[in-house]
């Protein structure tokens, strides 16, 4: 298992998508800036979701049908 965070390539998202994503992140931070526990929980939930997706992808990649 990789010990580094896989970062999305910057050329994958359009300028509009980047702006919308940044706006959403800023909004979430503004909502929860007074509650460090909520922010920590959201961070851990995000990392957990990414890890589960990565594991599912690796498992599918190891199936014989998908190897081809």
PDB file of N, CA and C in Angstrom:
ATOM      1  N   UNK A   1       0.841  -1.175   0.000  1.00  0.00           N
ATOM      2  CA  UNK A   1       0.000   0.000   0.000  1.00  0.00           C
ATOM      3  C   UNK A   1       0.888   1.241   0.000  1.00  0.00           C
ATOM      4  N   UNK A   2       0.568   2.190  -0.846  1.00  0.00           N
ATOM      5  CA  UNK A   2       1.355   3.409  -0.960  1.00  0.00           C
ATOM      6  C   UNK A   2       1.237   4.253   0.303  1.00  0.00           C
ATOM      7  N   UNK A   3       2.327   4.889   0.662  1.00  0.00           N
ATOM      8  CA  UNK A   3       2.328   5.737   1.849  1.00  0.00           C
ATOM      9  C   UNK A   3       2.216   7.201   1.470  1.00  0.00           C
ATOM     10  N   UNK A   4       1.998   7.492   0.196  1.00  0.00           N
ATOM     11  CA  UNK A   4       1.871   8.856  -0.262  1.00  0.00           C
ATOM     12  C   UNK A   4       0.474   9.078  -0.802  1.00  0.00           C
ATOM     13  N   UNK A   5      -0.007  10.286  -0.687  1.00  0.00           N
ATOM     14  CA  UNK A   5      -1.309  10.654  -1.190  1.00  0.00           C
ATOM     15  C   UNK A   5      -1.232  10.793  -2.701  1.00  0.00           C
ATOM     16  N   UNK A   6      -2.124  10.109  -3.401  1.00  0.00           N
ATOM     17  CA  UNK A   6      -2.174  10.231  -4.848  1.00  0.00           C
ATOM     18  C   UNK A   6      -2.933  11.515  -5.184  1.00  0.00           C
ATOM     19  N   UNK A   7      -2.278  12.426  -5.870  1.00  0.00           N
ATOM     20  CA  UNK A   7      -2.867  13.717  -6.195  1.00  0.00           C
ATOM     21  C   UNK A   7      -3.362  13.686  -7.633  1.00  0.00           C
ATOM     22  N   UNK A   8      -4.531  14.276  -7.843  1.00  0.00           N
ATOM     23  CA  UNK A   8      -5.099  14.337  -9.192  1.00  0.00           C
ATOM     24  C   UNK A   8      -4.229  15.250 -10.046  1.00  0.00           C
ATOM     25  N   UNK A   9      -4.011  14.850 -11.276  1.00  0.00           N
ATOM     26  CA  UNK A   9      -3.233  15.681 -12.188  1.00  0.00           C
ATOM     27  C   UNK A   9      -3.988  16.987 -12.428  1.00  0.00           C
ATOM     28  N   UNK A  10      -3.272  18.080 -12.482  1.00  0.00           N
ATOM     29  CA  UNK A  10      -3.920  19.381 -12.587  1.00  0.00           C
ATOM     30  C   UNK A  10      -4.602  19.610 -13.922  1.00  0.00           C
ATOM     31  N   UNK A  11      -4.201  18.904 -14.959  1.00  0.00           N
ATOM     32  CA  UNK A  11      -4.810  19.120 -16.266  1.00  0.00           C
ATOM     33  C   UNK A  11      -6.082  18.309 -16.473  1.00  0.00           C
ATOM     34  N   UNK A  12      -6.518  17.558 -15.479  1.00  0.00           N
ATOM     35  CA  UNK A  12      -7.713  16.727 -15.598  1.00  0.00           C
ATOM     36  C   UNK A  12      -8.974  17.568 -15.423  1.00  0.00           C
ATOM     37  N   UNK A  13      -8.926  18.551 -14.533  1.00  0.00           N
ATOM     38  CA  UNK A  13     -10.082  19.385 -14.243  1.00  0.00           C
ATOM     39  C   UNK A  13     -10.040  20.663 -15.067  1.00  0.00           C
ATOM     40  N   UNK A  14     -11.229  21.088 -15.514  1.00  0.00           N
ATOM     41  CA  UNK A  14     -11.310  22.354 -16.228  1.00  0.00           C
ATOM     42  C   UNK A  14     -11.217  23.508 -15.233  1.00  0.00           C
ATOM     43  N   UNK A  15     -11.046  24.706 -15.745  1.00  0.00           N
ATOM     44  CA  UNK A  15     -10.964  25.886 -14.884  1.00  0.00           C
ATOM     45  C   UNK A  15     -12.259  26.053 -14.095  1.00  0.00           C
ATOM     46  N   UNK A  16     -13.395  25.810 -14.746  1.00  0.00           N
ATOM     47  CA  UNK A  16     -14.691  25.928 -14.078  1.00  0.00           C
ATOM     48  C   UNK A  16     -14.822  24.897 -12.953  1.00  0.00           C
ATOM     49  N   UNK A  17     -14.370  23.663 -13.214  1.00  0.00           N
ATOM     50  CA  UNK A  17     -14.434  22.615 -12.193  1.00  0.00           C
ATOM     51  C   UNK A  17     -13.525  22.942 -11.009  1.00  0.00           C
ATOM     52  N   UNK A  18     -12.342  23.458 -11.293  1.00  0.00           N
ATOM     53  CA  UNK A  18     -11.424  23.849 -10.221  1.00  0.00           C
ATOM     54  C   UNK A  18     -12.035  24.958  -9.371  1.00  0.00           C
ATOM     55  N   UNK A  19     -12.644  25.943 -10.040  1.00  0.00           N
ATOM     56  CA  UNK A  19     -13.267  27.060  -9.327  1.00  0.00           C
ATOM     57  C   UNK A  19     -14.417  26.571  -8.468  1.00  0.00           C
ATOM     58  N   UNK A  20     -15.249  25.688  -9.010  1.00  0.00           N
ATOM     59  CA  UNK A  20     -16.382  25.144  -8.254  1.00  0.00           C
ATOM     60  C   UNK A  20     -15.897  24.314  -7.070  1.00  0.00           C
ATOM     61  N   UNK A  21     -14.874  23.501  -7.274  1.00  0.00           N
ATOM     62  CA  UNK A  21     -14.320  22.684  -6.201  1.00  0.00           C
ATOM     63  C   UNK A  21     -13.742  23.561  -5.096  1.00  0.00           C
ATOM     64  N   UNK A  22     -12.991  24.592  -5.474  1.00  0.00           N
ATOM     65  CA  UNK A  22     -12.420  25.498  -4.488  1.00  0.00           C
ATOM     66  C   UNK A  22     -13.511  26.220  -3.716  1.00  0.00           C
ATOM     67  N   UNK A  23     -14.566  26.628  -4.406  1.00  0.00           N
ATOM     68  CA  UNK A  23     -15.690  27.307  -3.753  1.00  0.00           C
ATOM     69  C   UNK A  23     -16.377  26.385  -2.753  1.00  0.00           C
ATOM     70  N   UNK A  24     -16.561  25.124  -3.130  1.00  0.00           N
ATOM     71  CA  UNK A  24     -17.188  24.149  -2.235  1.00  0.00           C
ATOM     72  C   UNK A  24     -16.323  23.910  -1.004  1.00  0.00           C
ATOM     73  N   UNK A  25     -15.029  23.770  -1.208  1.00  0.00           N
ATOM     74  CA  UNK A  25     -14.105  23.568  -0.086  1.00  0.00           C
ATOM     75  C   UNK A  25     -14.135  24.773   0.844  1.00  0.00           C
ATOM     76  N   UNK A  26     -14.092  25.973   0.265  1.00  0.00           N
ATOM     77  CA  UNK A  26     -14.141  27.194   1.082  1.00  0.00           C
ATOM     78  C   UNK A  26     -15.433  27.273   1.878  1.00  0.00           C
ATOM     79  N   UNK A  27     -16.542  26.887   1.262  1.00  0.00           N
ATOM     80  CA  UNK A  27     -17.841  26.906   1.941  1.00  0.00           C
ATOM     81  C   UNK A  27     -17.855  25.926   3.118  1.00  0.00           C
ATOM     82  N   UNK A  28     -17.336  24.730   2.909  1.00  0.00           N
ATOM     83  CA  UNK A  28     -17.291  23.721   3.980  1.00  0.00           C
ATOM     84  C   UNK A  28     -16.393  24.201   5.118  1.00  0.00           C
ATOM     85  N   UNK A  29     -15.254  24.787   4.779  1.00  0.00           N
ATOM     86  CA  UNK A  29     -14.353  25.299   5.819  1.00  0.00           C
ATOM     87  C   UNK A  29     -15.042  26.410   6.609  1.00  0.00           C
ATOM     88  N   UNK A  30     -15.738  27.302   5.912  1.00  0.00           N
ATOM     89  CA  UNK A  30     -16.433  28.398   6.585  1.00  0.00           C
ATOM     90  C   UNK A  30     -17.511  27.866   7.534  1.00  0.00           C
ATOM     91  N   UNK A  31     -18.229  26.821   7.103  1.00  0.00           N
ATOM     92  CA  UNK A  31     -19.270  26.223   7.942  1.00  0.00           C
ATOM     93  C   UNK A  31     -18.696  25.605   9.210  1.00  0.00           C
ATOM     94  N   UNK A  32     -17.512  25.022   9.106  1.00  0.00           N
ATOM     95  CA  UNK A  32     -16.965  24.225  10.205  1.00  0.00           C
ATOM     96  C   UNK A  32     -15.705  24.812  10.838  1.00  0.00           C
ATOM     97  N   UNK A  33     -15.371  26.059  10.519  1.00  0.00           N
ATOM     98  CA  UNK A  33     -14.099  26.594  10.995  1.00  0.00           C
ATOM     99  C   UNK A  33     -14.019  26.693  12.511  1.00  0.00           C
ATOM    100  N   UNK A  34     -15.150  26.753  13.195  1.00  0.00           N
ATOM    101  CA  UNK A  34     -15.132  26.818  14.644  1.00  0.00           C
ATOM    102  C   UNK A  34     -15.133  25.459  15.309  1.00  0.00           C
ATOM    103  N   UNK A  35     -15.221  24.409  14.525  1.00  0.00           N
ATOM    104  CA  UNK A  35     -15.330  23.076  15.112  1.00  0.00           C
ATOM    105  C   UNK A  35     -14.240  22.176  14.552  1.00  0.00           C
ATOM    106  N   UNK A  36     -13.128  22.148  15.225  1.00  0.00           N
ATOM    107  CA  UNK A  36     -11.977  21.357  14.782  1.00  0.00           C
ATOM    108  C   UNK A  36     -12.303  19.870  14.702  1.00  0.00           C
ATOM    109  N   UNK A  37     -13.142  19.376  15.611  1.00  0.00           N
ATOM    110  CA  UNK A  37     -13.489  17.951  15.604  1.00  0.00           C
ATOM    111  C   UNK A  37     -14.254  17.579  14.330  1.00  0.00           C
ATOM    112  N   UNK A  38     -15.174  18.438  13.883  1.00  0.00           N
ATOM    113  CA  UNK A  38     -15.897  18.166  12.639  1.00  0.00           C
ATOM    114  C   UNK A  38     -14.950  18.149  11.442  1.00  0.00           C
ATOM    115  N   UNK A  39     -14.025  19.098  11.408  1.00  0.00           N
ATOM    116  CA  UNK A  39     -13.070  19.148  10.299  1.00  0.00           C
ATOM    117  C   UNK A  39     -12.208  17.891  10.291  1.00  0.00           C
ATOM    118  N   UNK A  40     -11.725  17.480  11.457  1.00  0.00           N
ATOM    119  CA  UNK A  40     -10.925  16.251  11.538  1.00  0.00           C
ATOM    120  C   UNK A  40     -11.732  15.044  11.086  1.00  0.00           C
ATOM    121  N   UNK A  41     -12.994  14.971  11.499  1.00  0.00           N
ATOM    122  CA  UNK A  41     -13.848  13.855  11.101  1.00  0.00           C
ATOM    123  C   UNK A  41     -14.032  13.839   9.585  1.00  0.00           C
ATOM    124  N   UNK A  42     -14.287  15.014   9.000  1.00  0.00           N
ATOM    125  CA  UNK A  42     -14.466  15.088   7.551  1.00  0.00           C
ATOM    126  C   UNK A  42     -13.194  14.683   6.807  1.00  0.00           C
ATOM    127  N   UNK A  43     -12.042  15.083   7.318  1.00  0.00           N
ATOM    128  CA  UNK A  43     -10.769  14.708   6.688  1.00  0.00           C
ATOM    129  C   UNK A  43     -10.589  13.193   6.725  1.00  0.00           C
ATOM    130  N   UNK A  44     -10.824  12.586   7.898  1.00  0.00           N
ATOM    131  CA  UNK A  44     -10.656  11.141   8.014  1.00  0.00           C
ATOM    132  C   UNK A  44     -11.659  10.384   7.143  1.00  0.00           C
ATOM    133  N   UNK A  45     -12.896  10.887   7.056  1.00  0.00           N
ATOM    134  CA  UNK A  45     -13.885  10.246   6.195  1.00  0.00           C
ATOM    135  C   UNK A  45     -13.456  10.325   4.733  1.00  0.00           C
ATOM    136  N   UNK A  46     -12.895  11.454   4.331  1.00  0.00           N
ATOM    137  CA  UNK A  46     -12.427  11.614   2.953  1.00  0.00           C
ATOM    138  C   UNK A  46     -11.292  10.655   2.643  1.00  0.00           C
ATOM    139  N   UNK A  47     -10.327  10.574   3.551  1.00  0.00           N
ATOM    140  CA  UNK A  47      -9.194   9.669   3.349  1.00  0.00           C
ATOM    141  C   UNK A  47      -9.671   8.219   3.310  1.00  0.00           C
ATOM    142  N   UNK A  48     -10.609   7.881   4.181  1.00  0.00           N
ATOM    143  CA  UNK A  48     -11.149   6.522   4.202  1.00  0.00           C
ATOM    144  C   UNK A  48     -11.834   6.183   2.881  1.00  0.00           C
ATOM    145  N   UNK A  49     -12.623   7.116   2.362  1.00  0.00           N
ATOM    146  CA  UNK A  49     -13.308   6.882   1.087  1.00  0.00           C
ATOM    147  C   UNK A  49     -12.308   6.701  -0.047  1.00  0.00           C
ATOM    148  N   UNK A  50     -11.264   7.513  -0.059  1.00  0.00           N
ATOM    149  CA  UNK A  50     -10.239   7.387  -1.094  1.00  0.00           C
ATOM    150  C   UNK A  50      -9.503   6.058  -0.988  1.00  0.00           C
ATOM    151  N   UNK A  51      -9.225   5.626   0.233  1.00  0.00           N
ATOM    152  CA  UNK A  51      -8.536   4.363   0.452  1.00  0.00           C
ATOM    153  C   UNK A  51      -9.397   3.194  -0.014  1.00  0.00           C
ATOM    154  N   UNK A  52     -10.678   3.234   0.313  1.00  0.00           N
ATOM    155  CA  UNK A  52     -11.581   2.163  -0.113  1.00  0.00           C
ATOM    156  C   UNK A  52     -11.672   2.105  -1.630  1.00  0.00           C
ATOM    157  N   UNK A  53     -11.733   3.256  -2.274  1.00  0.00           N
ATOM    158  CA  UNK A  53     -11.794   3.287  -3.734  1.00  0.00           C
ATOM    159  C   UNK A  53     -10.515   2.746  -4.343  1.00  0.00           C
ATOM    160  N   UNK A  54      -9.386   3.108  -3.766  1.00  0.00           N
ATOM    161  CA  UNK A  54      -8.093   2.619  -4.254  1.00  0.00           C
ATOM    162  C   UNK A  54      -7.995   1.102  -4.102  1.00  0.00           C
ATOM    163  N   UNK A  55      -8.447   0.589  -2.962  1.00  0.00           N
ATOM    164  CA  UNK A  55      -8.412  -0.856  -2.732  1.00  0.00           C
ATOM    165  C   UNK A  55      -9.337  -1.599  -3.690  1.00  0.00           C
ATOM    166  N   UNK A  56     -10.516  -1.041  -3.937  1.00  0.00           N
ATOM    167  CA  UNK A  56     -11.453  -1.672  -4.873  1.00  0.00           C
ATOM    168  C   UNK A  56     -10.866  -1.683  -6.279  1.00  0.00           C
ATOM    169  N   UNK A  57     -10.227  -0.589  -6.654  1.00  0.00           N
ATOM    170  CA  UNK A  57      -9.605  -0.514  -7.971  1.00  0.00           C
ATOM    171  C   UNK A  57      -8.495  -1.554  -8.099  1.00  0.00           C
ATOM    172  N   UNK A  58      -7.680  -1.692  -7.070  1.00  0.00           N
ATOM    173  CA  UNK A  58      -6.587  -2.665  -7.099  1.00  0.00           C
ATOM    174  C   UNK A  58      -7.130  -4.084  -7.168  1.00  0.00           C
ATOM    175  N   UNK A  59      -8.200  -4.342  -6.431  1.00  0.00           N
ATOM    176  CA  UNK A  59      -8.789  -5.680  -6.443  1.00  0.00           C
ATOM    177  C   UNK A  59      -9.343  -6.014  -7.818  1.00  0.00           C
ATOM    178  N   UNK A  60     -10.020  -5.064  -8.462  1.00  0.00           N
ATOM    179  CA  UNK A  60     -10.553  -5.301  -9.799  1.00  0.00           C
ATOM    180  C   UNK A  60      -9.428  -5.472 -10.818  1.00  0.00           C
ATOM    181  N   UNK A  61      -8.363  -4.728 -10.642  1.00  0.00           N
ATOM    182  CA  UNK A  61      -7.235  -4.834 -11.572  1.00  0.00           C
ATOM    183  C   UNK A  61      -6.577  -6.203 -11.485  1.00  0.00           C
ATOM    184  N   UNK A  62      -6.690  -6.872 -10.344  1.00  0.00           N
ATOM    185  CA  UNK A  62      -6.075  -8.186 -10.178  1.00  0.00           C
ATOM    186  C   UNK A  62      -6.963  -9.336 -10.658  1.00  0.00           C
ATOM    187  N   UNK A  63      -8.199  -9.033 -11.032  1.00  0.00           N
ATOM    188  CA  UNK A  63      -9.088 -10.077 -11.554  1.00  0.00           C
ATOM    189  C   UNK A  63      -8.629 -10.443 -12.968  1.00  0.00           C
ATOM    190  N   UNK A  64      -8.698 -11.691 -13.330  1.00  0.00           N
ATOM    191  CA  UNK A  64      -8.225 -12.143 -14.638  1.00  0.00           C
ATOM    192  C   UNK A  64      -8.928 -11.443 -15.770  1.00  0.00           C
ATOM    193  N   UNK A  65     -10.245 -11.256 -15.655  1.00  0.00           N
ATOM    194  CA  UNK A  65     -11.013 -10.632 -16.735  1.00  0.00           C
ATOM    195  C   UNK A  65     -10.514  -9.218 -17.012  1.00  0.00           C
ATOM    196  N   UNK A  66     -10.193  -8.464 -15.957  1.00  0.00           N
ATOM    197  CA  UNK A  66      -9.791  -7.084 -16.101  1.00  0.00           C
ATOM    198  C   UNK A  66      -8.308  -6.928 -16.415  1.00  0.00           C
ATOM    199  N   UNK A  67      -7.534  -7.960 -16.255  1.00  0.00           N
ATOM    200  CA  UNK A  67      -6.101  -7.881 -16.562  1.00  0.00           C
ATOM    201  C   UNK A  67      -5.863  -7.721 -18.058  1.00  0.00           C
ATOM    202  N   UNK A  68      -6.744  -8.301 -18.842  1.00  0.00           N
ATOM    203  CA  UNK A  68      -6.598  -8.222 -20.291  1.00  0.00           C
ATOM    204  C   UNK A  68      -6.823  -6.810 -20.726  1.00  0.00           C
TER     205      UNK A  68
END
